[in-house]
Amino acid sequence: MAADVLSRHGVQVDLFDAMPSVGRKFLLAGRGGLNLTHSEPLPQFVGRYSDGQNELRPLIESFTPDHVRQWAKDLGIDTFVGTSGRVFPTDMKAAPLLRAWLHSLRQQGVRFHMRHRWTGWTDDGALQFTGPQGPVTHKAQAVVMALGGGSWSRLGSDGSWVPMLQTKGVESSPLKASNCGFEVEGGWTDHLKTKFAGQPIKPVAIAFKRPDGETDRQQGEFVLTETGVEGSLVYAFSNRIRKAIESEGHATIELDLLPSHTADKVLAETSRPKGPRSLSTHLKSCLGLHGIKMGLLYEQLPAETLANPKELAQAIKALPLRLVKARPMDEAISTAGGVRWDSLDPHLMAKAYPGLFVAGEMLDWDAPTGGYLLTACLATGQHAALGVLDWLKAS
């Protein structure tokens, strides 16, 4: 996006990428349907960015979800709003959009340099790369870095830039896994793993108590893994789960296994005499509770709770899961942490290294999946480019 904005303003742009082709993480994001952005009202949208929302707000207000949709349309890609409010290309694919975008960039004169991994600076300030034929240097009037966070290192985002920027006085907060899975305390039994690992749990709602005592609740689905839980509903809470684990050593989420049933309805059915039927048969018959959900109840509850209609009903509506560890960062969809906002000026230029701008997941912000990640990357790319234009005018 930075290259797009700058080249449309007549600036000669050279784009260096360590990978053999451009936009590999963009293509990965579209593997299950490219979720470009979200259609919810802008105040709610910006609120999804957790600790970075104050810094990101003016950037996203300048490149809103509506702008994202128009940008795609200008490239010949129509979009639609799904039932969840998420916005997708009509064909759900990332490749056609990326092809159209790269064609447009080439028409605007952007020069691409593939398989060029940035390794630092020369003594006179030129960029150093390791290219296909060996070392390469390139001198630029301004540089925009968009090297990603620390997840999906095989696609190039490995966080190796952190110490290199620190040598120039550009400070970063530690990179941490976000939109990731979490491990459950004690692990699952072999029986549960063998029978249900990899299966989705849906519909289900997660409730999580905030430090202020209020409870956040959201409905959706997630997946039971070999070690715990992961998936879109878990990602929606990953920031808060991670912070609770950091401060308390654990985080407890509560699962509502029957979000469409009232607590009174569940209690009435668990209190109904089951006769000679097993508990599993009884709950499947009267509440439609079976399979992985029933497996979780047997996994988490002692026999005396399962035999107590009131306690069982309470557990069905609020089954506690104690999470103790995030999965490794390279498994995460995105990362929190990155270049600190106080290391940058309002144009996203490094205060300690004039002419160096930073965009995308390198910045210290965090957001759930749902279109928020791509939108913020696009918005920060545009903002950094506009900062470069101001810098070039003043130079």
Protein backbone atom coordinates (compact mmCIF):
# COMPACT_ATOMS: atom_id res chain seq x y z
CA MET A 1 0.00 0.00 0.00
CA ALA A 2 2.89 2.36 0.71
CA ALA A 3 4.34 1.59 -2.72
CA ASP A 4 0.91 2.15 -4.28
CA VAL A 5 0.37 5.57 -2.73
CA LEU A 6 3.91 6.78 -3.43
CA SER A 7 4.02 5.59 -7.05
CA ARG A 8 0.66 7.23 -7.74
CA HIS A 9 2.26 10.48 -6.61
CA GLY A 10 5.11 10.13 -9.10
CA VAL A 11 7.72 8.79 -6.68
CA GLN A 12 10.08 6.10 -7.99
CA VAL A 13 9.62 3.09 -5.71
CA ASP A 14 11.84 0.03 -5.41
CA LEU A 15 10.17 -2.78 -3.48
CA PHE A 16 12.47 -5.40 -1.95
CA ASP A 17 11.10 -8.71 -0.66
CA ALA A 18 12.98 -11.65 0.84
CA MET A 19 10.52 -14.13 -0.63
CA PRO A 20 10.45 -15.41 -4.25
CA SER A 21 7.12 -13.62 -4.83
CA VAL A 22 5.20 -10.72 -3.32
CA GLY A 23 2.32 -10.97 -0.88
CA ARG A 24 2.71 -14.50 0.41
CA LYS A 25 1.10 -13.74 3.76
CA PHE A 26 -1.68 -11.92 1.90
CA LEU A 27 -2.33 -15.13 -0.02
CA LEU A 28 -2.22 -17.14 3.19
CA ALA A 29 -4.82 -14.82 4.71
CA GLY A 30 -7.10 -15.74 1.82
CA ARG A 31 -6.67 -19.47 2.16
CA GLY A 32 -10.09 -19.88 3.79
CA GLY A 33 -11.66 -16.85 2.09
CA LEU A 34 -9.97 -13.44 2.08
CA ASN A 35 -11.48 -11.45 4.96
CA LEU A 36 -10.56 -7.91 3.91
CA THR A 37 -12.31 -5.87 6.57
CA HIS A 38 -15.45 -5.66 8.71
CA SER A 39 -18.69 -3.75 8.26
CA GLU A 40 -19.39 -2.83 11.89
CA PRO A 41 -19.67 0.87 12.86
CA LEU A 42 -16.30 2.63 12.93
CA PRO A 43 -16.19 3.31 16.72
CA GLN A 44 -16.66 -0.40 17.41
CA PHE A 45 -14.19 -1.29 14.66
CA VAL A 46 -11.44 0.91 16.12
CA GLY A 47 -12.15 -0.45 19.59
CA ARG A 48 -10.98 -3.90 18.45
CA TYR A 49 -7.37 -2.70 18.40
CA SER A 50 -6.89 -2.95 22.15
CA ASP A 51 -3.92 -0.94 23.46
CA GLY A 52 -3.05 0.54 20.06
CA GLN A 53 -6.46 1.96 19.28
CA ASN A 54 -5.66 5.57 20.21
CA GLU A 55 -2.68 5.66 17.85
CA LEU A 56 -4.45 3.78 15.07
CA ARG A 57 -7.73 5.70 15.22
CA PRO A 58 -6.72 8.67 13.00
CA LEU A 59 -5.00 6.33 10.53
CA ILE A 60 -8.07 4.10 10.17
CA GLU A 61 -10.38 7.10 10.02
CA SER A 62 -8.34 8.13 6.96
CA PHE A 63 -8.57 4.66 5.44
CA THR A 64 -11.79 3.14 6.70
CA PRO A 65 -13.38 -0.24 5.92
CA ASP A 66 -15.41 1.56 3.25
CA HIS A 67 -12.16 2.78 1.70
CA VAL A 68 -10.86 -0.80 1.72
CA ARG A 69 -13.91 -1.93 -0.25
CA GLN A 70 -13.55 0.94 -2.72
CA TRP A 71 -9.84 0.18 -3.14
CA ALA A 72 -10.70 -3.42 -4.05
CA LYS A 73 -13.45 -2.24 -6.40
CA ASP A 74 -11.02 0.10 -8.15
CA LEU A 75 -8.89 -2.99 -8.82
CA GLY A 76 -11.89 -4.74 -10.35
CA ILE A 77 -12.79 -6.84 -7.30
CA ASP A 78 -16.31 -6.60 -5.90
CA THR A 79 -16.93 -7.41 -2.24
CA PHE A 80 -19.85 -8.51 -0.09
CA VAL A 81 -20.74 -8.47 3.60
CA GLY A 82 -21.18 -11.92 5.13
CA THR A 83 -23.68 -12.84 7.81
CA SER A 84 -21.02 -12.21 10.46
CA GLY A 85 -20.44 -8.67 9.20
CA ARG A 86 -17.09 -9.62 7.69
CA VAL A 87 -16.25 -8.36 4.20
CA PHE A 88 -14.96 -10.70 1.48
CA PRO A 89 -14.26 -10.56 -2.27
CA THR A 90 -17.23 -12.06 -4.10
CA ASP A 91 -15.12 -15.03 -5.22
CA MET A 92 -13.60 -15.35 -1.71
CA LYS A 93 -10.08 -15.54 -3.19
CA ALA A 94 -6.94 -13.50 -2.56
CA ALA A 95 -5.03 -14.31 -5.76
CA PRO A 96 -7.16 -12.28 -8.25
CA LEU A 97 -6.96 -9.19 -6.05
CA LEU A 98 -3.21 -9.56 -5.57
CA ARG A 99 -2.64 -10.08 -9.31
CA ALA A 100 -4.66 -6.98 -10.16
CA TRP A 101 -2.82 -4.96 -7.53
CA LEU A 102 0.65 -6.03 -8.69
CA HIS A 103 -0.28 -5.28 -12.31
CA SER A 104 -1.39 -1.80 -11.23
CA LEU A 105 1.83 -1.23 -9.29
CA ARG A 106 3.96 -2.25 -12.24
CA GLN A 107 1.96 0.07 -14.48
CA GLN A 108 2.76 2.83 -11.96
CA GLY A 109 6.46 2.12 -12.29
CA VAL A 110 7.18 0.19 -9.09
CA ARG A 111 10.30 -1.95 -9.49
CA PHE A 112 10.25 -5.32 -7.70
CA HIS A 113 13.34 -7.04 -6.32
CA MET A 114 12.56 -10.59 -5.19
CA ARG A 115 14.74 -12.84 -3.03
CA HIS A 116 16.41 -9.80 -1.48
CA ARG A 117 16.70 -10.15 2.29
CA TRP A 118 17.52 -6.97 4.17
CA THR A 119 20.58 -7.35 6.40
CA GLY A 120 21.23 -3.80 7.66
CA TRP A 121 22.94 -0.60 6.54
CA THR A 122 26.30 0.35 5.10
CA ASP A 123 28.42 2.99 6.82
CA ASP A 124 27.02 5.66 4.48
CA GLY A 125 23.39 4.70 5.19
CA ALA A 126 22.61 2.57 2.15
CA LEU A 127 20.43 -0.49 2.63
CA GLN A 128 22.18 -3.84 2.48
CA PHE A 129 20.57 -6.97 1.06
CA THR A 130 21.53 -10.53 0.34
CA GLY A 131 20.25 -11.13 -3.19
CA PRO A 132 20.23 -14.10 -5.56
CA GLN A 133 23.68 -13.14 -6.87
CA GLY A 134 25.13 -12.06 -3.52
CA PRO A 135 25.33 -8.80 -1.54
CA VAL A 136 23.41 -5.79 -2.87
CA THR A 137 23.27 -2.20 -1.65
CA HIS A 138 20.62 0.41 -2.41
CA LYS A 139 20.58 4.08 -1.49
CA ALA A 140 17.17 5.67 -1.00
CA GLN A 141 15.90 9.10 0.00
CA ALA A 142 13.32 7.48 2.27
CA VAL A 143 12.61 3.93 3.37
CA VAL A 144 9.33 2.30 4.41
CA MET A 145 9.76 -0.94 6.33
CA ALA A 146 6.87 -3.40 6.45
CA LEU A 147 8.66 -6.53 7.62
CA GLY A 148 5.79 -8.05 9.56
CA GLY A 149 5.72 -9.30 13.12
CA GLY A 150 7.13 -12.60 14.32
CA SER A 151 4.60 -15.16 13.11
CA TRP A 152 4.76 -17.35 9.99
CA SER A 153 8.53 -17.07 9.69
CA ARG A 154 8.51 -19.32 6.63
CA LEU A 155 6.71 -16.50 4.80
CA GLY A 156 9.32 -13.95 5.87
CA SER A 157 7.92 -12.49 9.11
CA ASP A 158 10.51 -13.69 11.60
CA GLY A 159 11.11 -10.59 13.76
CA SER A 160 14.81 -10.54 12.89
CA TRP A 161 14.55 -6.79 12.33
CA VAL A 162 14.09 -6.03 16.06
CA PRO A 163 17.79 -5.96 17.06
CA MET A 164 18.81 -4.25 13.81
CA LEU A 165 16.45 -1.35 14.48
CA GLN A 166 17.52 -1.19 18.10
CA THR A 167 21.08 -0.43 16.94
CA LYS A 168 19.61 2.73 15.38
CA GLY A 169 17.72 3.69 18.53
CA VAL A 170 14.32 2.46 17.32
CA GLU A 171 12.85 0.59 20.30
CA SER A 172 10.33 -2.24 20.19
CA SER A 173 8.04 -3.94 22.68
CA PRO A 174 8.61 -7.72 22.81
CA LEU A 175 6.83 -9.67 20.08
CA LYS A 176 4.21 -12.07 21.46
CA ALA A 177 1.82 -14.58 19.95
CA SER A 178 -1.64 -13.22 19.16
CA ASN A 179 -4.64 -14.84 17.46
CA CYS A 180 -3.19 -18.10 18.66
CA GLY A 181 -4.16 -21.28 20.43
CA PHE A 182 -3.79 -21.82 24.17
CA GLU A 183 -2.91 -24.86 26.21
CA VAL A 184 -5.33 -26.11 28.85
CA GLU A 185 -4.05 -26.78 32.36
CA GLY A 186 -3.00 -30.39 32.77
CA GLY A 187 -3.68 -31.20 29.13
CA TRP A 188 -6.53 -33.31 27.78
CA THR A 189 -6.92 -36.99 28.49
CA ASP A 190 -5.86 -39.39 25.76
CA HIS A 191 -9.51 -40.35 25.30
CA LEU A 192 -10.61 -36.77 24.54
CA LYS A 193 -7.63 -36.11 22.25
CA THR A 194 -8.06 -39.34 20.32
CA LYS A 195 -11.77 -38.86 19.82
CA PHE A 196 -12.17 -35.11 19.36
CA ALA A 197 -8.88 -33.27 18.63
CA GLY A 198 -9.31 -31.20 15.48
CA GLN A 199 -13.09 -31.02 15.76
CA PRO A 200 -15.00 -27.72 15.98
CA ILE A 201 -17.16 -26.86 18.97
CA LYS A 202 -20.22 -24.96 17.77
CA PRO A 203 -22.34 -23.14 18.52
CA VAL A 204 -20.69 -22.04 21.72
CA ALA A 205 -20.14 -18.79 23.60
CA ILE A 206 -17.12 -17.71 25.61
CA ALA A 207 -17.40 -15.47 28.65
CA PHE A 208 -14.30 -13.84 30.10
CA LYS A 209 -14.21 -11.67 33.20
CA ARG A 210 -12.21 -8.45 32.81
CA PRO A 211 -10.03 -6.98 35.60
CA ASP A 212 -12.76 -4.39 36.24
CA GLY A 213 -15.19 -7.18 37.06
CA GLU A 214 -17.28 -6.83 33.92
CA THR A 215 -17.75 -9.88 31.71
CA ASP A 216 -17.25 -9.95 27.96
CA ARG A 217 -19.22 -12.57 26.04
CA GLN A 218 -19.16 -13.61 22.40
CA GLN A 219 -20.71 -16.47 20.46
CA GLY A 220 -19.08 -18.40 17.62
CA GLU A 221 -16.97 -21.52 17.31
CA PHE A 222 -13.50 -22.83 18.04
CA VAL A 223 -11.51 -26.04 17.69
CA LEU A 224 -10.34 -28.49 20.31
CA THR A 225 -6.63 -29.19 19.74
CA GLU A 226 -4.17 -31.76 21.03
CA THR A 227 -3.11 -29.33 23.75
CA GLY A 228 -6.06 -27.02 24.29
CA VAL A 229 -8.17 -24.69 22.17
CA GLU A 230 -7.80 -22.43 19.16
CA GLY A 231 -9.95 -20.82 16.45
CA SER A 232 -11.82 -17.62 15.70
CA LEU A 233 -13.75 -17.38 18.97
CA VAL A 234 -10.59 -17.97 21.01
CA TYR A 235 -8.73 -15.40 18.89
CA ALA A 236 -11.34 -12.80 19.81
CA PHE A 237 -10.17 -13.12 23.42
CA SER A 238 -6.48 -13.85 22.82
CA ASN A 239 -5.23 -10.42 23.92
CA ARG A 240 -7.04 -10.65 27.27
CA ILE A 241 -6.17 -14.32 27.78
CA ARG A 242 -2.49 -13.61 27.12
CA LYS A 243 -2.40 -10.68 29.55
CA ALA A 244 -4.14 -12.70 32.28
CA ILE A 245 -1.62 -15.53 31.88
CA GLU A 246 1.24 -13.03 32.05
CA SER A 247 -0.05 -11.45 35.25
CA GLU A 248 -1.71 -14.38 37.03
CA GLY A 249 -0.09 -17.45 35.49
CA HIS A 250 -3.42 -18.63 34.09
CA ALA A 251 -6.67 -17.42 32.51
CA THR A 252 -10.11 -18.93 33.00
CA ILE A 253 -12.70 -18.77 30.25
CA GLU A 254 -16.25 -20.03 30.67
CA LEU A 255 -17.98 -21.93 27.89
CA ASP A 256 -21.71 -21.74 27.31
CA LEU A 257 -22.26 -25.03 25.51
CA LEU A 258 -25.90 -24.19 24.74
CA PRO A 259 -25.96 -20.45 23.98
CA SER A 260 -29.44 -20.62 22.46
CA HIS A 261 -30.95 -22.10 25.64
CA THR A 262 -31.79 -20.14 28.77
CA ALA A 263 -30.35 -21.26 32.09
CA ASP A 264 -33.89 -22.06 33.28
CA LYS A 265 -34.50 -24.26 30.24
CA VAL A 266 -31.27 -26.18 30.83
CA LEU A 267 -32.03 -26.62 34.52
CA ALA A 268 -35.53 -27.87 33.75
CA GLU A 269 -34.14 -30.53 31.42
CA THR A 270 -31.28 -31.67 33.65
CA SER A 271 -33.81 -31.96 36.49
CA ARG A 272 -36.14 -34.12 34.44
CA PRO A 273 -35.99 -37.80 35.56
CA LYS A 274 -33.89 -39.76 33.08
CA GLY A 275 -35.16 -43.18 34.11
CA PRO A 276 -32.99 -46.03 32.90
CA ARG A 277 -31.28 -43.89 30.25
CA SER A 278 -27.61 -42.95 30.56
CA LEU A 279 -26.77 -39.30 31.19
CA SER A 280 -25.38 -38.99 27.64
CA THR A 281 -28.57 -40.36 26.11
CA HIS A 282 -30.73 -38.19 28.37
CA LEU A 283 -28.88 -34.92 27.54
CA LYS A 284 -28.81 -35.73 23.83
CA SER A 285 -32.54 -36.38 23.85
CA CYS A 286 -33.69 -33.39 25.88
CA LEU A 287 -31.03 -30.76 25.06
CA GLY A 288 -29.33 -31.98 21.87
CA LEU A 289 -26.07 -32.10 23.81
CA HIS A 290 -23.74 -34.79 22.47
CA GLY A 291 -20.38 -35.52 20.87
CA ILE A 292 -17.56 -33.13 21.66
CA LYS A 293 -19.66 -31.02 24.03
CA MET A 294 -20.60 -34.09 26.05
CA GLY A 295 -16.96 -35.14 25.96
CA LEU A 296 -15.92 -31.81 27.47
CA LEU A 297 -18.42 -32.20 30.29
CA TYR A 298 -17.09 -35.65 31.17
CA GLU A 299 -13.53 -34.31 30.87
CA GLN A 300 -13.98 -31.31 33.14
CA LEU A 301 -16.60 -32.33 35.71
CA PRO A 302 -16.34 -34.76 38.63
CA ALA A 303 -18.94 -37.54 38.92
CA GLU A 304 -20.78 -35.79 41.74
CA THR A 305 -21.33 -32.66 39.61
CA LEU A 306 -22.56 -34.73 36.68
CA ALA A 307 -25.06 -36.36 39.05
CA ASN A 308 -26.32 -33.05 40.48
CA PRO A 309 -28.95 -31.50 38.13
CA LYS A 310 -28.40 -27.93 39.37
CA GLU A 311 -24.58 -28.04 39.24
CA LEU A 312 -24.67 -29.80 35.87
CA ALA A 313 -26.98 -27.12 34.44
CA GLN A 314 -24.67 -24.41 35.73
CA ALA A 315 -21.67 -26.15 34.12
CA ILE A 316 -23.43 -26.52 30.77
CA LYS A 317 -24.00 -22.75 30.73
CA ALA A 318 -20.60 -21.81 32.23
CA LEU A 319 -18.03 -24.60 31.93
CA PRO A 320 -14.67 -23.27 33.19
CA LEU A 321 -11.51 -23.92 31.20
CA ARG A 322 -8.21 -22.91 32.77
CA LEU A 323 -5.63 -21.89 30.16
CA VAL A 324 -1.99 -21.66 31.13
CA LYS A 325 0.14 -21.04 28.03
CA ALA A 326 -0.02 -19.58 24.54
CA ARG A 327 1.09 -21.79 21.69
CA PRO A 328 4.45 -20.90 20.07
CA MET A 329 4.60 -17.57 18.25
CA ASP A 330 5.33 -19.12 14.87
CA GLU A 331 1.97 -20.92 15.03
CA ALA A 332 0.13 -17.65 15.64
CA ILE A 333 -1.80 -15.81 12.95
CA SER A 334 -0.32 -12.50 14.10
CA THR A 335 1.81 -11.00 16.84
CA ALA A 336 1.40 -8.29 19.43
CA GLY A 337 4.28 -5.97 20.24
CA GLY A 338 6.59 -4.29 17.78
CA VAL A 339 8.02 -0.83 17.18
CA ARG A 340 6.90 1.41 20.03
CA TRP A 341 4.69 4.33 19.12
CA ASP A 342 6.85 6.68 21.17
CA SER A 343 9.80 5.79 18.91
CA LEU A 344 7.90 7.27 15.96
CA ASP A 345 6.62 10.70 15.03
CA PRO A 346 2.99 11.22 13.91
CA HIS A 347 3.98 10.32 10.32
CA LEU A 348 5.33 6.89 11.43
CA MET A 349 8.90 8.07 10.93
CA ALA A 350 11.55 6.90 13.40
CA LYS A 351 12.54 9.79 15.65
CA ALA A 352 16.04 8.38 16.02
CA TYR A 353 16.53 7.71 12.30
CA PRO A 354 14.97 10.38 10.04
CA GLY A 355 13.80 9.07 6.68
CA LEU A 356 12.93 5.62 8.04
CA PHE A 357 9.19 4.87 8.21
CA VAL A 358 7.46 1.81 9.67
CA ALA A 359 4.11 0.23 8.74
CA GLY A 360 1.99 -2.86 9.22
CA GLU A 361 2.51 -5.55 11.84
CA MET A 362 5.93 -4.16 12.73
CA LEU A 363 4.04 -1.58 14.77
CA ASP A 364 3.00 -2.21 18.38
CA TRP A 365 -0.69 -3.01 17.95
CA ASP A 366 -2.89 -6.04 18.29
CA ALA A 367 -6.27 -7.05 16.86
CA PRO A 368 -8.42 -10.15 16.46
CA THR A 369 -9.10 -11.80 13.13
CA GLY A 370 -12.13 -10.54 11.24
CA GLY A 371 -10.60 -8.07 8.79
CA TYR A 372 -8.95 -5.88 11.40
CA LEU A 373 -5.41 -7.07 10.69
CA LEU A 374 -5.50 -6.38 6.94
CA THR A 375 -7.31 -3.06 7.34
CA ALA A 376 -4.74 -1.73 9.81
CA CYS A 377 -1.87 -2.88 7.58
CA LEU A 378 -3.39 -1.05 4.61
CA ALA A 379 -4.13 2.05 6.68
CA THR A 380 -0.63 2.24 8.17
CA GLY A 381 0.90 1.67 4.74
CA GLN A 382 -1.03 4.62 3.36
CA HIS A 383 -0.14 6.80 6.35
CA ALA A 384 3.56 5.99 6.13
CA ALA A 385 3.52 6.82 2.41
CA LEU A 386 1.90 10.19 3.05
CA GLY A 387 4.59 10.78 5.67
CA VAL A 388 7.25 10.00 3.09
CA LEU A 389 5.73 12.52 0.68
CA ASP A 390 5.89 15.23 3.35
CA TRP A 391 9.47 14.22 4.17
CA LEU A 392 10.55 14.38 0.53
CA LYS A 393 8.98 17.79 0.08
CA ALA A 394 10.83 19.09 3.13
CA SER A 395 14.19 17.50 2.21
